[in-house]
Amino acid sequence: MKLFLLSLLSLGTLSFGSPALAKICEPTTRCTDFKRCYINNVEQPCAYASNGARSGDIVFRHGFFRFSFLDPVAKRRVQVTYGKNREFRTFGTWSTSNGYHVIRLDDGVVVRFPSSGGVYAGD
C-alpha cells in the first residue's frame, strides 16, 4: 500500500475528531461520517464530502482520495488524486455493489464506502 496512508492530514471542512467517536467531519451539510469503509479490504472509519455532481472527497484517518467523474452522466470512469500533498494521480472505475460505492484504481488500490446513511444510520 502507498506511503500516503501513513500520514495524517486535515482538510478545510474536515478534521479528525475523537477516535472514540470515529468522527472525521466537522458539522457541515456536505460531509458524512461512516464507521465501515475500506482501503484494500482493511476496515476503518471514513468521511465522504461531496464537491457537487462531478466530484467528491473520501477521507480516512491515514489517507485522502479526491475523485472526479470523467463523464458525470455515466458515472463510471473516474480520475483520482490522492496522497498527503495530492502527489498521486490515477484513473479508476466506479461501481456500486452490496450497499457500497467501490472505486477500483488502475494502480490496484480498492476503496469502498457506504452508498447511503451515515455513522449513526443503522450501525
PDB file of N, CA and C in Angstrom:
ATOM      1  N   MET A   1       0.845  -1.180   0.000  1.00  0.00           N
ATOM      2  CA  MET A   1       0.000   0.000   0.000  1.00  0.00           C
ATOM      3  C   MET A   1       0.886   1.236   0.000  1.00  0.00           C
ATOM      4  N   LYS A   2       0.406   2.289  -0.548  1.00  0.00           N
ATOM      5  CA  LYS A   2       1.184   3.510  -0.710  1.00  0.00           C
ATOM      6  C   LYS A   2       1.558   4.147   0.630  1.00  0.00           C
ATOM      7  N   LEU A   3       2.674   4.891   0.640  1.00  0.00           N
ATOM      8  CA  LEU A   3       3.143   5.566   1.850  1.00  0.00           C
ATOM      9  C   LEU A   3       2.191   6.642   2.336  1.00  0.00           C
ATOM     10  N   PHE A   4       1.380   7.214   1.444  1.00  0.00           N
ATOM     11  CA  PHE A   4       0.471   8.278   1.855  1.00  0.00           C
ATOM     12  C   PHE A   4      -0.476   7.818   2.951  1.00  0.00           C
ATOM     13  N   LEU A   5      -0.737   6.527   3.042  1.00  0.00           N
ATOM     14  CA  LEU A   5      -1.664   6.023   4.045  1.00  0.00           C
ATOM     15  C   LEU A   5      -1.115   6.166   5.457  1.00  0.00           C
ATOM     16  N   LEU A   6       0.171   6.473   5.582  1.00  0.00           N
ATOM     17  CA  LEU A   6       0.779   6.610   6.894  1.00  0.00           C
ATOM     18  C   LEU A   6       0.763   8.035   7.421  1.00  0.00           C
ATOM     19  N   SER A   7       0.368   8.981   6.600  1.00  0.00           N
ATOM     20  CA  SER A   7       0.437  10.375   7.022  1.00  0.00           C
ATOM     21  C   SER A   7      -0.933  10.898   7.442  1.00  0.00           C
ATOM     22  N   LEU A   8      -0.971  11.641   8.530  1.00  0.00           N
ATOM     23  CA  LEU A   8      -2.219  12.263   8.985  1.00  0.00           C
ATOM     24  C   LEU A   8      -2.423  13.561   8.235  1.00  0.00           C
ATOM     25  N   LEU A   9      -3.680  13.932   8.023  1.00  0.00           N
ATOM     26  CA  LEU A   9      -3.978  15.162   7.322  1.00  0.00           C
ATOM     27  C   LEU A   9      -5.299  15.722   7.786  1.00  0.00           C
ATOM     28  N   SER A  10      -5.521  16.969   7.480  1.00  0.00           N
ATOM     29  CA  SER A  10      -6.846  17.552   7.674  1.00  0.00           C
ATOM     30  C   SER A  10      -7.122  18.483   6.512  1.00  0.00           C
ATOM     31  N   LEU A  11      -8.402  18.662   6.198  1.00  0.00           N
ATOM     32  CA  LEU A  11      -8.818  19.442   5.038  1.00  0.00           C
ATOM     33  C   LEU A  11      -9.864  20.454   5.459  1.00  0.00           C
ATOM     34  N   GLY A  12      -9.925  21.569   4.770  1.00  0.00           N
ATOM     35  CA  GLY A  12     -10.914  22.608   5.004  1.00  0.00           C
ATOM     36  C   GLY A  12     -11.996  22.308   6.016  1.00  0.00           C
ATOM     37  N   THR A  13     -13.113  21.701   5.587  1.00  0.00           N
ATOM     38  CA  THR A  13     -14.226  21.453   6.482  1.00  0.00           C
ATOM     39  C   THR A  13     -14.129  20.091   7.157  1.00  0.00           C
ATOM     40  N   LEU A  14     -13.059  19.363   6.910  1.00  0.00           N
ATOM     41  CA  LEU A  14     -12.888  18.052   7.523  1.00  0.00           C
ATOM     42  C   LEU A  14     -11.743  18.117   8.512  1.00  0.00           C
ATOM     43  N   SER A  15     -11.916  17.467   9.641  1.00  0.00           N
ATOM     44  CA  SER A  15     -10.820  17.341  10.594  1.00  0.00           C
ATOM     45  C   SER A  15     -10.983  16.019  11.308  1.00  0.00           C
ATOM     46  N   PHE A  16     -10.036  15.683  12.124  1.00  0.00           N
ATOM     47  CA  PHE A  16     -10.078  14.393  12.779  1.00  0.00           C
ATOM     48  C   PHE A  16     -10.581  14.564  14.195  1.00  0.00           C
ATOM     49  N   GLY A  17     -11.759  14.027  14.453  1.00  0.00           N
ATOM     50  CA  GLY A  17     -12.386  14.128  15.758  1.00  0.00           C
ATOM     51  C   GLY A  17     -11.889  13.058  16.701  1.00  0.00           C
ATOM     52  N   SER A  18     -12.608  12.856  17.761  1.00  0.00           N
ATOM     53  CA  SER A  18     -12.256  11.884  18.779  1.00  0.00           C
ATOM     54  C   SER A  18     -12.202  10.478  18.217  1.00  0.00           C
ATOM     55  N   PRO A  19     -11.114   9.724  18.479  1.00  0.00           N
ATOM     56  CA  PRO A  19     -11.052   8.350  17.994  1.00  0.00           C
ATOM     57  C   PRO A  19     -12.191   7.491  18.535  1.00  0.00           C
ATOM     58  N   ALA A  20     -12.662   7.794  19.741  1.00  0.00           N
ATOM     59  CA  ALA A  20     -13.742   7.008  20.332  1.00  0.00           C
ATOM     60  C   ALA A  20     -15.030   7.162  19.536  1.00  0.00           C
ATOM     61  N   LEU A  21     -15.233   8.331  18.945  1.00  0.00           N
ATOM     62  CA  LEU A  21     -16.446   8.573  18.175  1.00  0.00           C
ATOM     63  C   LEU A  21     -16.278   8.218  16.710  1.00  0.00           C
ATOM     64  N   ALA A  22     -15.037   7.991  16.278  1.00  0.00           N
ATOM     65  CA  ALA A  22     -14.734   7.652  14.887  1.00  0.00           C
ATOM     66  C   ALA A  22     -15.292   8.695  13.924  1.00  0.00           C
ATOM     67  N   LYS A  23     -15.265   9.963  14.345  1.00  0.00           N
ATOM     68  CA  LYS A  23     -15.789  11.033  13.503  1.00  0.00           C
ATOM     69  C   LYS A  23     -14.646  11.778  12.838  1.00  0.00           C
ATOM     70  N   ILE A  24     -14.839  12.103  11.592  1.00  0.00           N
ATOM     71  CA  ILE A  24     -13.870  12.878  10.842  1.00  0.00           C
ATOM     72  C   ILE A  24     -14.457  14.235  10.478  1.00  0.00           C
ATOM     73  N   CYS A  25     -15.747  14.285  10.153  1.00  0.00           N
ATOM     74  CA  CYS A  25     -16.397  15.522   9.716  1.00  0.00           C
ATOM     75  C   CYS A  25     -16.562  16.510  10.860  1.00  0.00           C
ATOM     76  N   GLU A  26     -16.404  17.755  10.529  1.00  0.00           N
ATOM     77  CA  GLU A  26     -16.886  18.837  11.368  1.00  0.00           C
ATOM     78  C   GLU A  26     -18.351  19.014  10.960  1.00  0.00           C
ATOM     79  N   PRO A  27     -19.158  19.603  11.816  1.00  0.00           N
ATOM     80  CA  PRO A  27     -20.559  19.783  11.422  1.00  0.00           C
ATOM     81  C   PRO A  27     -20.661  20.559  10.102  1.00  0.00           C
ATOM     82  N   THR A  28     -21.217  19.913   9.103  1.00  0.00           N
ATOM     83  CA  THR A  28     -21.405  20.520   7.786  1.00  0.00           C
ATOM     84  C   THR A  28     -22.486  19.739   7.052  1.00  0.00           C
ATOM     85  N   THR A  29     -23.139  20.350   6.126  1.00  0.00           N
ATOM     86  CA  THR A  29     -24.219  19.660   5.418  1.00  0.00           C
ATOM     87  C   THR A  29     -23.709  18.800   4.267  1.00  0.00           C
ATOM     88  N   ARG A  30     -22.450  18.942   3.894  1.00  0.00           N
ATOM     89  CA  ARG A  30     -21.946  18.203   2.735  1.00  0.00           C
ATOM     90  C   ARG A  30     -20.904  17.156   3.113  1.00  0.00           C
ATOM     91  N   CYS A  31     -20.868  16.727   4.355  1.00  0.00           N
ATOM     92  CA  CYS A  31     -19.902  15.739   4.817  1.00  0.00           C
ATOM     93  C   CYS A  31     -20.640  14.697   5.658  1.00  0.00           C
ATOM     94  N   THR A  32     -20.347  13.429   5.409  1.00  0.00           N
ATOM     95  CA  THR A  32     -20.993  12.341   6.140  1.00  0.00           C
ATOM     96  C   THR A  32     -19.943  11.380   6.674  1.00  0.00           C
ATOM     97  N   ASP A  33     -20.001  11.093   7.974  1.00  0.00           N
ATOM     98  CA  ASP A  33     -19.102  10.114   8.594  1.00  0.00           C
ATOM     99  C   ASP A  33     -19.646   8.703   8.418  1.00  0.00           C
ATOM    100  N   PHE A  34     -18.759   7.764   8.209  1.00  0.00           N
ATOM    101  CA  PHE A  34     -19.105   6.344   8.130  1.00  0.00           C
ATOM    102  C   PHE A  34     -18.160   5.539   9.018  1.00  0.00           C
ATOM    103  N   LYS A  35     -18.689   4.525   9.691  1.00  0.00           N
ATOM    104  CA  LYS A  35     -17.856   3.660  10.537  1.00  0.00           C
ATOM    105  C   LYS A  35     -17.132   2.603   9.728  1.00  0.00           C
ATOM    106  N   ARG A  36     -17.755   2.108   8.671  1.00  0.00           N
ATOM    107  CA  ARG A  36     -17.207   0.960   7.933  1.00  0.00           C
ATOM    108  C   ARG A  36     -16.892   1.312   6.483  1.00  0.00           C
ATOM    109  N   CYS A  37     -15.659   1.728   6.273  1.00  0.00           N
ATOM    110  CA  CYS A  37     -15.138   1.978   4.938  1.00  0.00           C
ATOM    111  C   CYS A  37     -13.900   1.095   4.785  1.00  0.00           C
ATOM    112  N   TYR A  38     -13.418   0.977   3.574  1.00  0.00           N
ATOM    113  CA  TYR A  38     -12.312   0.043   3.343  1.00  0.00           C
ATOM    114  C   TYR A  38     -11.316   0.602   2.333  1.00  0.00           C
ATOM    115  N   ILE A  39     -10.044   0.392   2.622  1.00  0.00           N
ATOM    116  CA  ILE A  39      -8.974   0.558   1.644  1.00  0.00           C
ATOM    117  C   ILE A  39      -8.329  -0.817   1.548  1.00  0.00           C
ATOM    118  N   ASN A  40      -8.386  -1.422   0.376  1.00  0.00           N
ATOM    119  CA  ASN A  40      -7.841  -2.772   0.162  1.00  0.00           C
ATOM    120  C   ASN A  40      -8.323  -3.749   1.233  1.00  0.00           C
ATOM    121  N   ASN A  41      -9.630  -3.740   1.508  1.00  0.00           N
ATOM    122  CA  ASN A  41     -10.294  -4.644   2.464  1.00  0.00           C
ATOM    123  C   ASN A  41      -9.891  -4.449   3.916  1.00  0.00           C
ATOM    124  N   VAL A  42      -9.217  -3.352   4.248  1.00  0.00           N
ATOM    125  CA  VAL A  42      -8.919  -3.027   5.641  1.00  0.00           C
ATOM    126  C   VAL A  42      -9.997  -2.057   6.111  1.00  0.00           C
ATOM    127  N   GLU A  43     -10.794  -2.485   7.098  1.00  0.00           N
ATOM    128  CA  GLU A  43     -11.908  -1.670   7.589  1.00  0.00           C
ATOM    129  C   GLU A  43     -11.407  -0.532   8.456  1.00  0.00           C
ATOM    130  N   GLN A  44     -11.992   0.651   8.256  1.00  0.00           N
ATOM    131  CA  GLN A  44     -11.668   1.827   9.053  1.00  0.00           C
ATOM    132  C   GLN A  44     -12.728   2.893   8.824  1.00  0.00           C
ATOM    133  N   PRO A  45     -12.861   3.846   9.753  1.00  0.00           N
ATOM    134  CA  PRO A  45     -13.826   4.925   9.548  1.00  0.00           C
ATOM    135  C   PRO A  45     -13.369   5.846   8.416  1.00  0.00           C
ATOM    136  N   CYS A  46     -14.336   6.504   7.795  1.00  0.00           N
ATOM    137  CA  CYS A  46     -14.003   7.493   6.766  1.00  0.00           C
ATOM    138  C   CYS A  46     -15.109   8.533   6.727  1.00  0.00           C
ATOM    139  N   ALA A  47     -14.905   9.537   5.910  1.00  0.00           N
ATOM    140  CA  ALA A  47     -15.934  10.547   5.660  1.00  0.00           C
ATOM    141  C   ALA A  47     -15.996  10.791   4.166  1.00  0.00           C
ATOM    142  N   TYR A  48     -17.197  11.089   3.699  1.00  0.00           N
ATOM    143  CA  TYR A  48     -17.387  11.451   2.301  1.00  0.00           C
ATOM    144  C   TYR A  48     -17.881  12.888   2.266  1.00  0.00           C
ATOM    145  N   ALA A  49     -17.217  13.721   1.494  1.00  0.00           N
ATOM    146  CA  ALA A  49     -17.627  15.113   1.319  1.00  0.00           C
ATOM    147  C   ALA A  49     -17.891  15.352  -0.153  1.00  0.00           C
ATOM    148  N   SER A  50     -19.099  15.728  -0.471  1.00  0.00           N
ATOM    149  CA  SER A  50     -19.470  15.993  -1.855  1.00  0.00           C
ATOM    150  C   SER A  50     -18.941  17.347  -2.279  1.00  0.00           C
ATOM    151  N   ASN A  51     -18.384  17.393  -3.483  1.00  0.00           N
ATOM    152  CA  ASN A  51     -17.962  18.661  -4.075  1.00  0.00           C
ATOM    153  C   ASN A  51     -18.903  19.046  -5.211  1.00  0.00           C
ATOM    154  N   GLY A  52     -20.054  18.398  -5.270  1.00  0.00           N
ATOM    155  CA  GLY A  52     -21.010  18.635  -6.340  1.00  0.00           C
ATOM    156  C   GLY A  52     -21.253  17.354  -7.112  1.00  0.00           C
ATOM    157  N   ALA A  53     -21.931  17.454  -8.239  1.00  0.00           N
ATOM    158  CA  ALA A  53     -22.288  16.272  -9.024  1.00  0.00           C
ATOM    159  C   ALA A  53     -21.092  15.626  -9.712  1.00  0.00           C
ATOM    160  N   ARG A  54     -20.013  16.355  -9.889  1.00  0.00           N
ATOM    161  CA  ARG A  54     -18.871  15.854 -10.652  1.00  0.00           C
ATOM    162  C   ARG A  54     -17.759  15.263  -9.804  1.00  0.00           C
ATOM    163  N   SER A  55     -17.702  15.570  -8.495  1.00  0.00           N
ATOM    164  CA  SER A  55     -16.546  15.142  -7.717  1.00  0.00           C
ATOM    165  C   SER A  55     -16.854  15.049  -6.231  1.00  0.00           C
ATOM    166  N   GLY A  56     -15.924  14.442  -5.500  1.00  0.00           N
ATOM    167  CA  GLY A  56     -16.062  14.323  -4.059  1.00  0.00           C
ATOM    168  C   GLY A  56     -14.745  13.910  -3.429  1.00  0.00           C
ATOM    169  N   ASP A  57     -14.704  13.969  -2.108  1.00  0.00           N
ATOM    170  CA  ASP A  57     -13.527  13.580  -1.334  1.00  0.00           C
ATOM    171  C   ASP A  57     -13.898  12.435  -0.405  1.00  0.00           C
ATOM    172  N   ILE A  58     -13.021  11.469  -0.297  1.00  0.00           N
ATOM    173  CA  ILE A  58     -13.165  10.402   0.696  1.00  0.00           C
ATOM    174  C   ILE A  58     -11.950  10.523   1.593  1.00  0.00           C
ATOM    175  N   VAL A  59     -12.198  10.747   2.884  1.00  0.00           N
ATOM    176  CA  VAL A  59     -11.114  10.997   3.823  1.00  0.00           C
ATOM    177  C   VAL A  59     -11.082   9.899   4.868  1.00  0.00           C
ATOM    178  N   PHE A  60      -9.930   9.290   4.990  1.00  0.00           N
ATOM    179  CA  PHE A  60      -9.659   8.307   6.030  1.00  0.00           C
ATOM    180  C   PHE A  60      -8.705   8.948   7.030  1.00  0.00           C
ATOM    181  N   ARG A  61      -8.545   8.369   8.186  1.00  0.00           N
ATOM    182  CA  ARG A  61      -7.604   8.920   9.164  1.00  0.00           C
ATOM    183  C   ARG A  61      -6.182   8.957   8.616  1.00  0.00           C
ATOM    184  N   HIS A  62      -5.860   8.063   7.710  1.00  0.00           N
ATOM    185  CA  HIS A  62      -4.490   7.982   7.196  1.00  0.00           C
ATOM    186  C   HIS A  62      -4.432   8.069   5.677  1.00  0.00           C
ATOM    187  N   GLY A  63      -5.414   8.686   5.066  1.00  0.00           N
ATOM    188  CA  GLY A  63      -5.390   8.789   3.615  1.00  0.00           C
ATOM    189  C   GLY A  63      -6.510   9.646   3.081  1.00  0.00           C
ATOM    190  N   PHE A  64      -6.337  10.139   1.884  1.00  0.00           N
ATOM    191  CA  PHE A  64      -7.261  11.072   1.269  1.00  0.00           C
ATOM    192  C   PHE A  64      -7.396  10.731  -0.211  1.00  0.00           C
ATOM    193  N   PHE A  65      -8.613  10.709  -0.707  1.00  0.00           N
ATOM    194  CA  PHE A  65      -8.873  10.443  -2.121  1.00  0.00           C
ATOM    195  C   PHE A  65      -9.829  11.505  -2.650  1.00  0.00           C
ATOM    196  N   ARG A  66      -9.463  12.184  -3.710  1.00  0.00           N
ATOM    197  CA  ARG A  66     -10.377  13.109  -4.389  1.00  0.00           C
ATOM    198  C   ARG A  66     -10.662  12.515  -5.758  1.00  0.00           C
ATOM    199  N   PHE A  67     -11.939  12.322  -6.050  1.00  0.00           N
ATOM    200  CA  PHE A  67     -12.293  11.742  -7.341  1.00  0.00           C
ATOM    201  C   PHE A  67     -13.131  12.718  -8.152  1.00  0.00           C
ATOM    202  N   SER A  68     -12.993  12.613  -9.454  1.00  0.00           N
ATOM    203  CA  SER A  68     -13.790  13.404 -10.398  1.00  0.00           C
ATOM    204  C   SER A  68     -14.279  12.464 -11.484  1.00  0.00           C
ATOM    205  N   PHE A  69     -15.571  12.500 -11.740  1.00  0.00           N
ATOM    206  CA  PHE A  69     -16.123  11.686 -12.816  1.00  0.00           C
ATOM    207  C   PHE A  69     -15.682  12.249 -14.166  1.00  0.00           C
ATOM    208  N   LEU A  70     -15.197  11.385 -15.042  1.00  0.00           N
ATOM    209  CA  LEU A  70     -14.826  11.823 -16.387  1.00  0.00           C
ATOM    210  C   LEU A  70     -16.066  12.109 -17.210  1.00  0.00           C
ATOM    211  N   ASP A  71     -17.143  11.377 -16.939  1.00  0.00           N
ATOM    212  CA  ASP A  71     -18.444  11.614 -17.556  1.00  0.00           C
ATOM    213  C   ASP A  71     -19.469  11.632 -16.431  1.00  0.00           C
ATOM    214  N   PRO A  72     -19.875  12.810 -15.949  1.00  0.00           N
ATOM    215  CA  PRO A  72     -20.765  12.889 -14.797  1.00  0.00           C
ATOM    216  C   PRO A  72     -22.138  12.267 -15.004  1.00  0.00           C
ATOM    217  N   VAL A  73     -22.526  12.027 -16.257  1.00  0.00           N
ATOM    218  CA  VAL A  73     -23.811  11.388 -16.519  1.00  0.00           C
ATOM    219  C   VAL A  73     -23.685   9.877 -16.360  1.00  0.00           C
ATOM    220  N   ALA A  74     -22.676   9.292 -16.964  1.00  0.00           N
ATOM    221  CA  ALA A  74     -22.483   7.838 -16.887  1.00  0.00           C
ATOM    222  C   ALA A  74     -21.967   7.397 -15.523  1.00  0.00           C
ATOM    223  N   LYS A  75     -21.176   8.234 -14.851  1.00  0.00           N
ATOM    224  CA  LYS A  75     -20.605   7.932 -13.532  1.00  0.00           C
ATOM    225  C   LYS A  75     -19.970   6.549 -13.492  1.00  0.00           C
ATOM    226  N   ARG A  76     -19.072   6.309 -14.415  1.00  0.00           N
ATOM    227  CA  ARG A  76     -18.409   5.005 -14.471  1.00  0.00           C
ATOM    228  C   ARG A  76     -16.894   5.138 -14.297  1.00  0.00           C
ATOM    229  N   ARG A  77     -16.264   6.034 -15.035  1.00  0.00           N
ATOM    230  CA  ARG A  77     -14.816   6.185 -15.012  1.00  0.00           C
ATOM    231  C   ARG A  77     -14.467   7.444 -14.222  1.00  0.00           C
ATOM    232  N   VAL A  78     -13.441   7.349 -13.352  1.00  0.00           N
ATOM    233  CA  VAL A  78     -13.060   8.479 -12.510  1.00  0.00           C
ATOM    234  C   VAL A  78     -11.560   8.734 -12.603  1.00  0.00           C
ATOM    235  N   GLN A  79     -11.209   9.989 -12.370  1.00  0.00           N
ATOM    236  CA  GLN A  79      -9.817  10.365 -12.164  1.00  0.00           C
ATOM    237  C   GLN A  79      -9.674  10.573 -10.667  1.00  0.00           C
ATOM    238  N   VAL A  80      -8.605  10.047 -10.075  1.00  0.00           N
ATOM    239  CA  VAL A  80      -8.433  10.124  -8.628  1.00  0.00           C
ATOM    240  C   VAL A  80      -7.068  10.723  -8.308  1.00  0.00           C
ATOM    241  N   THR A  81      -7.079  11.697  -7.403  1.00  0.00           N
ATOM    242  CA  THR A  81      -5.858  12.282  -6.874  1.00  0.00           C
ATOM    243  C   THR A  81      -5.804  11.919  -5.406  1.00  0.00           C
ATOM    244  N   TYR A  82      -4.647  11.480  -4.937  1.00  0.00           N
ATOM    245  CA  TYR A  82      -4.543  11.116  -3.531  1.00  0.00           C
ATOM    246  C   TYR A  82      -3.136  11.319  -3.026  1.00  0.00           C
ATOM    247  N   GLY A  83      -2.986  11.240  -1.709  1.00  0.00           N
ATOM    248  CA  GLY A  83      -1.709  11.465  -1.053  1.00  0.00           C
ATOM    249  C   GLY A  83      -1.775  12.703  -0.194  1.00  0.00           C
ATOM    250  N   LYS A  84      -0.878  12.797   0.767  1.00  0.00           N
ATOM    251  CA  LYS A  84      -0.852  13.926   1.695  1.00  0.00           C
ATOM    252  C   LYS A  84      -0.795  15.258   0.947  1.00  0.00           C
ATOM    253  N   ASN A  85       0.016  15.309  -0.075  1.00  0.00           N
ATOM    254  CA  ASN A  85       0.163  16.526  -0.868  1.00  0.00           C
ATOM    255  C   ASN A  85      -0.478  16.391  -2.246  1.00  0.00           C
ATOM    256  N   ARG A  86      -1.402  15.451  -2.354  1.00  0.00           N
ATOM    257  CA  ARG A  86      -2.085  15.171  -3.622  1.00  0.00           C
ATOM    258  C   ARG A  86      -1.080  14.865  -4.729  1.00  0.00           C
ATOM    259  N   GLU A  87      -0.061  14.091  -4.347  1.00  0.00           N
ATOM    260  CA  GLU A  87       1.023  13.818  -5.278  1.00  0.00           C
ATOM    261  C   GLU A  87       0.784  12.622  -6.200  1.00  0.00           C
ATOM    262  N   PHE A  88      -0.232  11.819  -5.923  1.00  0.00           N
ATOM    263  CA  PHE A  88      -0.507  10.658  -6.772  1.00  0.00           C
ATOM    264  C   PHE A  88      -1.762  10.914  -7.596  1.00  0.00           C
ATOM    265  N   ARG A  89      -1.720  10.510  -8.867  1.00  0.00           N
ATOM    266  CA  ARG A  89      -2.881  10.669  -9.735  1.00  0.00           C
ATOM    267  C   ARG A  89      -3.016   9.397 -10.571  1.00  0.00           C
ATOM    268  N   THR A  90      -4.225   8.898 -10.632  1.00  0.00           N
ATOM    269  CA  THR A  90      -4.500   7.711 -11.431  1.00  0.00           C
ATOM    270  C   THR A  90      -5.952   7.766 -11.884  1.00  0.00           C
ATOM    271  N   PHE A  91      -6.371   6.755 -12.582  1.00  0.00           N
ATOM    272  CA  PHE A  91      -7.756   6.627 -13.011  1.00  0.00           C
ATOM    273  C   PHE A  91      -8.324   5.369 -12.381  1.00  0.00           C
ATOM    274  N   GLY A  92      -9.626   5.264 -12.393  1.00  0.00           N
ATOM    275  CA  GLY A  92     -10.262   4.089 -11.821  1.00  0.00           C
ATOM    276  C   GLY A  92     -11.668   3.915 -12.339  1.00  0.00           C
ATOM    277  N   THR A  93     -12.288   2.850 -11.866  1.00  0.00           N
ATOM    278  CA  THR A  93     -13.651   2.513 -12.252  1.00  0.00           C
ATOM    279  C   THR A  93     -14.549   2.594 -11.028  1.00  0.00           C
ATOM    280  N   TRP A  94     -15.670   3.272 -11.162  1.00  0.00           N
ATOM    281  CA  TRP A  94     -16.652   3.471 -10.094  1.00  0.00           C
ATOM    282  C   TRP A  94     -17.782   2.479 -10.288  1.00  0.00           C
ATOM    283  N   SER A  95     -18.196   1.836  -9.214  1.00  0.00           N
ATOM    284  CA  SER A  95     -19.371   0.965  -9.263  1.00  0.00           C
ATOM    285  C   SER A  95     -20.055   1.002  -7.903  1.00  0.00           C
ATOM    286  N   THR A  96     -21.235   0.412  -7.830  1.00  0.00           N
ATOM    287  CA  THR A  96     -21.946   0.267  -6.568  1.00  0.00           C
ATOM    288  C   THR A  96     -22.304  -1.200  -6.426  1.00  0.00           C
ATOM    289  N   SER A  97     -21.973  -1.771  -5.238  1.00  0.00           N
ATOM    290  CA  SER A  97     -22.197  -3.192  -5.016  1.00  0.00           C
ATOM    291  C   SER A  97     -22.450  -3.452  -3.540  1.00  0.00           C
ATOM    292  N   ASN A  98     -23.510  -4.188  -3.242  1.00  0.00           N
ATOM    293  CA  ASN A  98     -23.836  -4.592  -1.865  1.00  0.00           C
ATOM    294  C   ASN A  98     -23.853  -3.419  -0.886  1.00  0.00           C
ATOM    295  N   GLY A  99     -24.437  -2.305  -1.303  1.00  0.00           N
ATOM    296  CA  GLY A  99     -24.578  -1.144  -0.424  1.00  0.00           C
ATOM    297  C   GLY A  99     -23.339  -0.272  -0.307  1.00  0.00           C
ATOM    298  N   TYR A 100     -22.338  -0.491  -1.149  1.00  0.00           N
ATOM    299  CA  TYR A 100     -21.107   0.293  -1.115  1.00  0.00           C
ATOM    300  C   TYR A 100     -20.793   0.874  -2.484  1.00  0.00           C
ATOM    301  N   HIS A 101     -20.248   2.104  -2.490  1.00  0.00           N
ATOM    302  CA  HIS A 101     -19.611   2.642  -3.678  1.00  0.00           C
ATOM    303  C   HIS A 101     -18.207   2.048  -3.688  1.00  0.00           C
ATOM    304  N   VAL A 102     -17.763   1.611  -4.847  1.00  0.00           N
ATOM    305  CA  VAL A 102     -16.457   0.972  -4.976  1.00  0.00           C
ATOM    306  C   VAL A 102     -15.668   1.699  -6.056  1.00  0.00           C
ATOM    307  N   ILE A 103     -14.447   2.111  -5.712  1.00  0.00           N
ATOM    308  CA  ILE A 103     -13.544   2.698  -6.696  1.00  0.00           C
ATOM    309  C   ILE A 103     -12.343   1.776  -6.816  1.00  0.00           C
ATOM    310  N   ARG A 104     -12.209   1.159  -7.987  1.00  0.00           N
ATOM    311  CA  ARG A 104     -11.060   0.286  -8.270  1.00  0.00           C
ATOM    312  C   ARG A 104     -10.067   1.094  -9.092  1.00  0.00           C
ATOM    313  N   LEU A 105      -8.967   1.474  -8.444  1.00  0.00           N
ATOM    314  CA  LEU A 105      -7.972   2.294  -9.118  1.00  0.00           C
ATOM    315  C   LEU A 105      -7.125   1.446 -10.054  1.00  0.00           C
ATOM    316  N   ASP A 106      -6.683   2.048 -11.129  1.00  0.00           N
ATOM    317  CA  ASP A 106      -5.851   1.342 -12.100  1.00  0.00           C
ATOM    318  C   ASP A 106      -4.529   0.881 -11.493  1.00  0.00           C
ATOM    319  N   ASP A 107      -4.090   1.509 -10.392  1.00  0.00           N
ATOM    320  CA  ASP A 107      -2.841   1.092  -9.753  1.00  0.00           C
ATOM    321  C   ASP A 107      -3.042  -0.020  -8.722  1.00  0.00           C
ATOM    322  N   GLY A 108      -4.277  -0.565  -8.631  1.00  0.00           N
ATOM    323  CA  GLY A 108      -4.529  -1.720  -7.775  1.00  0.00           C
ATOM    324  C   GLY A 108      -5.220  -1.439  -6.455  1.00  0.00           C
ATOM    325  N   VAL A 109      -5.271  -0.201  -6.009  1.00  0.00           N
ATOM    326  CA  VAL A 109      -5.932   0.150  -4.752  1.00  0.00           C
ATOM    327  C   VAL A 109      -7.446   0.068  -4.944  1.00  0.00           C
ATOM    328  N   VAL A 110      -8.154  -0.459  -3.940  1.00  0.00           N
ATOM    329  CA  VAL A 110      -9.617  -0.529  -3.973  1.00  0.00           C
ATOM    330  C   VAL A 110     -10.152   0.209  -2.751  1.00  0.00           C
ATOM    331  N   VAL A 111     -11.021   1.177  -2.976  1.00  0.00           N
ATOM    332  CA  VAL A 111     -11.632   1.982  -1.920  1.00  0.00           C
ATOM    333  C   VAL A 111     -13.128   1.716  -1.932  1.00  0.00           C
ATOM    334  N   ARG A 112     -13.706   1.442  -0.745  1.00  0.00           N
ATOM    335  CA  ARG A 112     -15.157   1.245  -0.636  1.00  0.00           C
ATOM    336  C   ARG A 112     -15.694   2.093   0.502  1.00  0.00           C
ATOM    337  N   PHE A 113     -16.869   2.696   0.268  1.00  0.00           N
ATOM    338  CA  PHE A 113     -17.565   3.421   1.334  1.00  0.00           C
ATOM    339  C   PHE A 113     -19.062   3.280   1.110  1.00  0.00           C
ATOM    340  N   PRO A 114     -19.874   3.341   2.196  1.00  0.00           N
ATOM    341  CA  PRO A 114     -21.320   3.094   2.072  1.00  0.00           C
ATOM    342  C   PRO A 114     -21.985   4.041   1.078  1.00  0.00           C
ATOM    343  N   SER A 115     -22.983   3.484   0.380  1.00  0.00           N
ATOM    344  CA  SER A 115     -23.688   4.290  -0.621  1.00  0.00           C
ATOM    345  C   SER A 115     -24.843   5.082  -0.016  1.00  0.00           C
ATOM    346  N   SER A 116     -25.158   4.868   1.253  1.00  0.00           N
ATOM    347  CA  SER A 116     -26.199   5.657   1.900  1.00  0.00           C
ATOM    348  C   SER A 116     -26.005   5.606   3.410  1.00  0.00           C
ATOM    349  N   GLY A 117     -26.756   6.463   4.104  1.00  0.00           N
ATOM    350  CA  GLY A 117     -26.673   6.503   5.562  1.00  0.00           C
ATOM    351  C   GLY A 117     -25.426   7.203   6.033  1.00  0.00           C
ATOM    352  N   GLY A 118     -25.217   7.151   7.328  1.00  0.00           N
ATOM    353  CA  GLY A 118     -24.042   7.778   7.921  1.00  0.00           C
ATOM    354  C   GLY A 118     -23.629   7.000   9.138  1.00  0.00           C
ATOM    355  N   VAL A 119     -22.778   7.568   9.929  1.00  0.00           N
ATOM    356  CA  VAL A 119     -22.217   6.864  11.068  1.00  0.00           C
ATOM    357  C   VAL A 119     -23.291   6.380  12.033  1.00  0.00           C
ATOM    358  N   TYR A 120     -24.410   7.088  12.111  1.00  0.00           N
ATOM    359  CA  TYR A 120     -25.459   6.694  13.056  1.00  0.00           C
ATOM    360  C   TYR A 120     -26.636   6.023  12.376  1.00  0.00           C
ATOM    361  N   ALA A 121     -26.559   5.803  11.080  1.00  0.00           N
ATOM    362  CA  ALA A 121     -27.680   5.212  10.343  1.00  0.00           C
ATOM    363  C   ALA A 121     -27.538   3.702  10.278  1.00  0.00           C
ATOM    364  N   GLY A 122     -28.253   3.005  11.101  1.00  0.00           N
ATOM    365  CA  GLY A 122     -28.296   1.557  11.057  1.00  0.00           C
ATOM    366  C   GLY A 122     -27.076   0.838  11.579  1.00  0.00           C
ATOM    367  N   ASP A 123     -26.110   1.559  12.144  1.00  0.00           N
ATOM    368  CA  ASP A 123     -24.903   0.903  12.666  1.00  0.00           C
ATOM    369  C   ASP A 123     -25.113   0.454  14.101  1.00  0.00           C
TER     370      ASP A 123
END
